[in-house]
Amino acid sequence: MDPQTRRTKKGKAAVKADEAKVDLTAVVVAVNDSEPCVLTVGHADTLPSGPFALEHRSLQSGLRGWVEQQTGHALGYIEQLYTFADRDRIGTERHQRVISISYLALTRKEQA
C-alpha cells in the first residue's frame, strides 16, 4: 500500500494529506435604507476569497487584504462564521487538504 494511503474503518482507501491549504472566504453585506446587498466578484457571482499566507499578521488581516484587493472596499466589522475542514476536502493537489474559513463582513453601502 502506498505510504500516502491508509484504510478507513469501512475498508476504503483514503489519501493521507501531507499539507493543508487554508482559504479565507467572505460574505460581505452592505445595508442602505434597510436593503441588504451581498458583494460578489467576477462574472460568476463568487464571494471574495483568497489563500491565507504565512506573511499575513492574522486570519482577519489576510481576509481584509483579499476583500479590499478584489472589491475595492474596506471592511468594517467581521465575524468568523464557520470553518470547513472535512477530511474529504481535497485541494487541487491530491495530497493537499483544504481548510476553508468563512466570515461575515460589513461595509458601507456608499462604498459598495
N, C-alpha and C. Protein backbone atom coordinates (compact mmCIF):
# COMPACT_ATOMS: atom_id res chain seq x y z
N MET A 1 0.85 -1.18 0.00
CA MET A 1 0.00 0.00 0.00
C MET A 1 0.89 1.24 0.00
N ASP A 2 0.54 2.21 -0.79
CA ASP A 2 1.25 3.49 -0.86
C ASP A 2 1.28 4.11 0.53
N PRO A 3 2.44 4.66 0.97
CA PRO A 3 2.51 5.26 2.31
C PRO A 3 1.58 6.46 2.47
N GLN A 4 1.10 7.03 1.36
CA GLN A 4 0.17 8.16 1.44
C GLN A 4 -1.27 7.69 1.60
N THR A 5 -1.49 6.39 1.50
CA THR A 5 -2.84 5.85 1.56
C THR A 5 -3.01 4.99 2.80
N ARG A 6 -4.18 5.07 3.42
CA ARG A 6 -4.48 4.23 4.56
C ARG A 6 -5.91 3.72 4.38
N ARG A 7 -6.29 2.76 5.16
CA ARG A 7 -7.64 2.19 5.08
C ARG A 7 -8.54 2.83 6.13
N THR A 8 -9.77 3.14 5.72
CA THR A 8 -10.75 3.66 6.67
C THR A 8 -11.42 2.49 7.37
N LYS A 9 -12.29 2.77 8.33
CA LYS A 9 -12.99 1.70 9.06
C LYS A 9 -13.84 0.85 8.13
N LYS A 10 -14.31 1.43 7.02
CA LYS A 10 -15.14 0.69 6.08
C LYS A 10 -14.30 -0.04 5.03
N GLY A 11 -12.97 -0.01 5.17
CA GLY A 11 -12.11 -0.73 4.25
C GLY A 11 -11.75 0.02 2.99
N LYS A 12 -12.25 1.24 2.83
CA LYS A 12 -11.93 2.03 1.64
C LYS A 12 -10.57 2.69 1.82
N ALA A 13 -9.87 2.87 0.71
CA ALA A 13 -8.59 3.57 0.76
C ALA A 13 -8.84 5.07 0.89
N ALA A 14 -8.10 5.71 1.76
CA ALA A 14 -8.20 7.16 1.93
C ALA A 14 -6.81 7.77 1.77
N VAL A 15 -6.76 8.95 1.19
CA VAL A 15 -5.49 9.63 0.99
C VAL A 15 -5.12 10.38 2.26
N LYS A 16 -3.89 10.23 2.67
CA LYS A 16 -3.39 10.96 3.84
C LYS A 16 -2.82 12.29 3.34
N ALA A 17 -3.32 13.39 3.86
CA ALA A 17 -2.86 14.71 3.43
C ALA A 17 -1.52 15.04 4.07
N ASP A 18 -0.58 15.49 3.27
CA ASP A 18 0.73 15.90 3.77
C ASP A 18 0.74 17.38 4.13
N GLU A 19 -0.13 18.15 3.52
CA GLU A 19 -0.15 19.57 3.76
C GLU A 19 -1.57 20.09 3.68
N ALA A 20 -1.79 21.26 4.24
CA ALA A 20 -3.11 21.86 4.22
C ALA A 20 -3.05 23.21 3.54
N LYS A 21 -4.10 23.53 2.82
CA LYS A 21 -4.26 24.83 2.20
C LYS A 21 -5.40 25.52 2.94
N VAL A 22 -5.18 26.75 3.39
CA VAL A 22 -6.20 27.49 4.12
C VAL A 22 -6.74 28.59 3.23
N ASP A 23 -8.04 28.56 2.96
CA ASP A 23 -8.72 29.59 2.17
C ASP A 23 -9.57 30.45 3.09
N LEU A 24 -9.59 31.75 2.83
CA LEU A 24 -10.41 32.70 3.57
C LEU A 24 -11.50 33.19 2.63
N THR A 25 -12.77 33.08 3.06
CA THR A 25 -13.90 33.47 2.23
C THR A 25 -14.79 34.42 3.01
N ALA A 26 -15.29 35.47 2.32
CA ALA A 26 -16.12 36.48 3.00
C ALA A 26 -17.48 36.60 2.34
N VAL A 27 -18.52 36.66 3.18
CA VAL A 27 -19.84 37.09 2.75
C VAL A 27 -19.91 38.54 3.20
N VAL A 28 -19.79 39.47 2.25
CA VAL A 28 -19.73 40.90 2.56
C VAL A 28 -21.10 41.50 2.34
N VAL A 29 -21.66 42.10 3.40
CA VAL A 29 -23.00 42.68 3.34
C VAL A 29 -22.91 44.18 3.53
N ALA A 30 -23.61 44.91 2.66
CA ALA A 30 -23.77 46.36 2.79
C ALA A 30 -25.27 46.63 2.91
N VAL A 31 -25.65 47.54 3.81
CA VAL A 31 -27.07 47.85 4.01
C VAL A 31 -27.28 49.35 3.85
N ASN A 32 -28.33 49.72 3.10
CA ASN A 32 -28.71 51.11 2.92
C ASN A 32 -30.23 51.16 2.80
N ASP A 33 -30.86 51.99 3.63
CA ASP A 33 -32.33 52.09 3.64
C ASP A 33 -32.98 50.72 3.82
N SER A 34 -32.46 49.94 4.74
CA SER A 34 -32.98 48.61 5.08
C SER A 34 -32.89 47.60 3.94
N GLU A 35 -32.09 47.87 2.93
CA GLU A 35 -31.92 46.96 1.80
C GLU A 35 -30.53 46.32 1.87
N PRO A 36 -30.44 45.05 2.28
CA PRO A 36 -29.13 44.40 2.31
C PRO A 36 -28.66 44.04 0.90
N CYS A 37 -27.37 44.08 0.71
CA CYS A 37 -26.76 43.77 -0.58
C CYS A 37 -25.51 42.94 -0.30
N VAL A 38 -25.36 41.80 -0.96
CA VAL A 38 -24.17 40.96 -0.80
C VAL A 38 -23.23 41.25 -1.97
N LEU A 39 -21.98 41.61 -1.64
CA LEU A 39 -20.99 41.90 -2.68
C LEU A 39 -20.42 40.61 -3.24
N THR A 40 -20.33 40.53 -4.56
CA THR A 40 -19.71 39.40 -5.23
C THR A 40 -18.64 39.92 -6.19
N VAL A 41 -17.82 39.03 -6.67
CA VAL A 41 -16.76 39.42 -7.60
C VAL A 41 -16.83 38.56 -8.85
N GLY A 42 -16.39 39.11 -9.96
CA GLY A 42 -16.34 38.36 -11.20
C GLY A 42 -17.70 38.16 -11.84
N HIS A 43 -17.67 37.50 -12.97
CA HIS A 43 -18.90 37.26 -13.73
C HIS A 43 -19.72 36.11 -13.16
N ALA A 44 -19.10 35.27 -12.35
CA ALA A 44 -19.79 34.09 -11.82
C ALA A 44 -20.45 34.37 -10.46
N ASP A 45 -20.47 35.64 -10.04
CA ASP A 45 -21.03 36.00 -8.74
C ASP A 45 -20.43 35.16 -7.62
N THR A 46 -19.13 35.13 -7.56
CA THR A 46 -18.44 34.40 -6.49
C THR A 46 -18.15 35.32 -5.32
N LEU A 47 -17.99 34.74 -4.17
CA LEU A 47 -17.66 35.51 -2.97
C LEU A 47 -16.18 35.86 -2.97
N PRO A 48 -15.82 37.02 -2.42
CA PRO A 48 -14.40 37.37 -2.33
C PRO A 48 -13.67 36.34 -1.46
N SER A 49 -12.51 35.90 -1.93
CA SER A 49 -11.76 34.91 -1.17
C SER A 49 -10.31 34.90 -1.61
N GLY A 50 -9.49 34.22 -0.84
CA GLY A 50 -8.08 34.08 -1.18
C GLY A 50 -7.40 33.19 -0.17
N PRO A 51 -6.20 32.75 -0.50
CA PRO A 51 -5.47 31.87 0.42
C PRO A 51 -4.86 32.63 1.58
N PHE A 52 -4.81 31.99 2.74
CA PHE A 52 -4.09 32.56 3.87
C PHE A 52 -2.61 32.33 3.62
N ALA A 53 -1.82 33.38 3.74
CA ALA A 53 -0.37 33.27 3.55
C ALA A 53 0.33 33.50 4.88
N LEU A 54 1.47 32.87 5.06
CA LEU A 54 2.20 32.98 6.32
C LEU A 54 2.60 34.41 6.64
N GLU A 55 2.75 35.26 5.63
CA GLU A 55 3.12 36.65 5.90
C GLU A 55 1.96 37.50 6.43
N HIS A 56 0.73 36.98 6.36
CA HIS A 56 -0.40 37.71 6.94
C HIS A 56 -0.25 37.73 8.46
N ARG A 57 -0.51 38.88 9.05
CA ARG A 57 -0.38 39.04 10.50
C ARG A 57 -1.40 38.17 11.24
N SER A 58 -2.59 38.04 10.67
CA SER A 58 -3.66 37.24 11.28
C SER A 58 -4.61 36.78 10.17
N LEU A 59 -5.53 35.89 10.52
CA LEU A 59 -6.54 35.46 9.55
C LEU A 59 -7.36 36.65 9.08
N GLN A 60 -7.74 37.52 10.03
CA GLN A 60 -8.58 38.67 9.72
C GLN A 60 -7.85 39.66 8.81
N SER A 61 -6.58 39.90 9.06
CA SER A 61 -5.85 40.85 8.20
C SER A 61 -5.69 40.27 6.79
N GLY A 62 -5.50 38.97 6.69
CA GLY A 62 -5.45 38.33 5.38
C GLY A 62 -6.76 38.48 4.64
N LEU A 63 -7.87 38.25 5.34
CA LEU A 63 -9.20 38.40 4.74
C LEU A 63 -9.43 39.83 4.28
N ARG A 64 -9.13 40.80 5.15
CA ARG A 64 -9.31 42.21 4.80
C ARG A 64 -8.52 42.57 3.54
N GLY A 65 -7.30 42.08 3.46
CA GLY A 65 -6.47 42.35 2.29
C GLY A 65 -7.06 41.79 1.01
N TRP A 66 -7.51 40.53 1.04
CA TRP A 66 -8.10 39.91 -0.14
C TRP A 66 -9.37 40.61 -0.57
N VAL A 67 -10.25 40.93 0.39
CA VAL A 67 -11.52 41.56 0.04
C VAL A 67 -11.28 42.95 -0.56
N GLU A 68 -10.41 43.73 0.06
CA GLU A 68 -10.14 45.08 -0.45
C GLU A 68 -9.51 45.01 -1.85
N GLN A 69 -8.62 44.06 -2.05
CA GLN A 69 -7.99 43.90 -3.37
C GLN A 69 -9.01 43.51 -4.43
N GLN A 70 -9.95 42.64 -4.09
CA GLN A 70 -10.90 42.13 -5.08
C GLN A 70 -12.12 43.03 -5.28
N THR A 71 -12.52 43.77 -4.25
CA THR A 71 -13.74 44.59 -4.36
C THR A 71 -13.47 46.08 -4.34
N GLY A 72 -12.32 46.50 -3.83
CA GLY A 72 -12.03 47.92 -3.70
C GLY A 72 -12.69 48.54 -2.49
N HIS A 73 -13.27 47.74 -1.60
CA HIS A 73 -13.98 48.23 -0.43
C HIS A 73 -13.33 47.74 0.85
N ALA A 74 -13.12 48.67 1.76
CA ALA A 74 -12.58 48.31 3.08
C ALA A 74 -13.70 47.69 3.92
N LEU A 75 -13.33 46.75 4.78
CA LEU A 75 -14.32 46.11 5.65
C LEU A 75 -14.39 46.81 6.99
N GLY A 76 -15.58 46.83 7.56
CA GLY A 76 -15.76 47.29 8.93
C GLY A 76 -15.70 46.08 9.84
N TYR A 77 -16.84 45.74 10.41
CA TYR A 77 -16.97 44.61 11.33
C TYR A 77 -16.83 43.30 10.57
N ILE A 78 -16.09 42.35 11.14
CA ILE A 78 -16.04 40.99 10.58
C ILE A 78 -16.20 39.98 11.71
N GLU A 79 -16.86 38.89 11.40
CA GLU A 79 -17.12 37.82 12.37
C GLU A 79 -16.89 36.49 11.68
N GLN A 80 -16.11 35.62 12.31
CA GLN A 80 -15.90 34.29 11.75
C GLN A 80 -17.19 33.49 11.89
N LEU A 81 -17.63 32.89 10.78
CA LEU A 81 -18.88 32.12 10.78
C LEU A 81 -18.65 30.63 11.01
N TYR A 82 -17.79 30.03 10.20
CA TYR A 82 -17.64 28.59 10.24
C TYR A 82 -16.32 28.19 9.59
N THR A 83 -15.79 27.08 10.02
CA THR A 83 -14.59 26.52 9.41
C THR A 83 -14.94 25.17 8.82
N PHE A 84 -14.71 25.02 7.52
CA PHE A 84 -14.96 23.77 6.82
C PHE A 84 -13.63 23.04 6.69
N ALA A 85 -13.53 21.86 7.29
CA ALA A 85 -12.25 21.13 7.25
C ALA A 85 -12.46 19.63 7.20
N ASP A 86 -13.52 19.20 6.55
CA ASP A 86 -13.79 17.77 6.46
C ASP A 86 -12.62 17.04 5.81
N ARG A 87 -12.40 15.85 6.23
CA ARG A 87 -11.28 15.05 5.73
C ARG A 87 -11.33 14.87 4.21
N ASP A 88 -12.50 14.85 3.63
CA ASP A 88 -12.63 14.61 2.19
C ASP A 88 -12.47 15.85 1.33
N ARG A 89 -12.20 17.00 1.95
CA ARG A 89 -12.00 18.24 1.18
C ARG A 89 -10.56 18.24 0.65
N ILE A 90 -10.41 17.83 -0.59
CA ILE A 90 -9.08 17.70 -1.20
C ILE A 90 -8.88 18.87 -2.15
N GLY A 91 -7.69 19.46 -2.13
CA GLY A 91 -7.36 20.60 -2.98
C GLY A 91 -7.00 20.17 -4.39
N THR A 92 -6.39 21.10 -5.12
CA THR A 92 -6.01 20.82 -6.50
C THR A 92 -4.94 19.74 -6.57
N GLU A 93 -4.12 19.65 -5.56
CA GLU A 93 -3.13 18.58 -5.47
C GLU A 93 -3.72 17.48 -4.59
N ARG A 94 -3.60 16.26 -5.01
CA ARG A 94 -4.24 15.13 -4.30
C ARG A 94 -3.79 15.01 -2.85
N HIS A 95 -2.55 15.38 -2.55
CA HIS A 95 -2.02 15.24 -1.19
C HIS A 95 -2.33 16.46 -0.32
N GLN A 96 -3.15 17.36 -0.82
CA GLN A 96 -3.40 18.62 -0.12
C GLN A 96 -4.82 18.64 0.44
N ARG A 97 -4.93 18.91 1.72
CA ARG A 97 -6.23 19.04 2.38
C ARG A 97 -6.61 20.52 2.42
N VAL A 98 -7.89 20.83 2.18
CA VAL A 98 -8.35 22.22 2.14
C VAL A 98 -9.14 22.54 3.40
N ILE A 99 -8.76 23.65 4.02
CA ILE A 99 -9.49 24.20 5.17
C ILE A 99 -10.03 25.55 4.73
N SER A 100 -11.35 25.72 4.76
CA SER A 100 -11.97 26.98 4.36
C SER A 100 -12.57 27.65 5.58
N ILE A 101 -12.13 28.89 5.83
CA ILE A 101 -12.64 29.65 6.96
C ILE A 101 -13.52 30.76 6.40
N SER A 102 -14.79 30.76 6.82
CA SER A 102 -15.74 31.73 6.27
C SER A 102 -16.05 32.82 7.29
N TYR A 103 -16.29 34.01 6.77
CA TYR A 103 -16.56 35.19 7.59
C TYR A 103 -17.78 35.93 7.07
N LEU A 104 -18.47 36.61 7.98
CA LEU A 104 -19.49 37.59 7.64
C LEU A 104 -18.83 38.94 7.85
N ALA A 105 -18.91 39.82 6.87
CA ALA A 105 -18.27 41.12 6.97
C ALA A 105 -19.25 42.21 6.56
N LEU A 106 -19.08 43.39 7.15
CA LEU A 106 -19.93 44.53 6.84
C LEU A 106 -19.11 45.64 6.20
N THR A 107 -19.72 46.34 5.26
CA THR A 107 -19.11 47.51 4.65
C THR A 107 -20.21 48.55 4.45
N ARG A 108 -19.82 49.77 4.17
CA ARG A 108 -20.80 50.84 3.95
C ARG A 108 -21.36 50.76 2.54
N LYS A 109 -22.65 51.02 2.41
CA LYS A 109 -23.32 50.98 1.11
C LYS A 109 -22.71 52.01 0.15
N GLU A 110 -22.33 53.17 0.67
CA GLU A 110 -21.75 54.21 -0.18
C GLU A 110 -20.50 53.70 -0.87
N GLN A 111 -19.79 52.77 -0.20
CA GLN A 111 -18.57 52.21 -0.78
C GLN A 111 -18.90 51.11 -1.78
N ALA A 112 -20.02 50.45 -1.59
CA ALA A 112 -20.40 49.32 -2.43
C ALA A 112 -21.05 49.77 -3.66
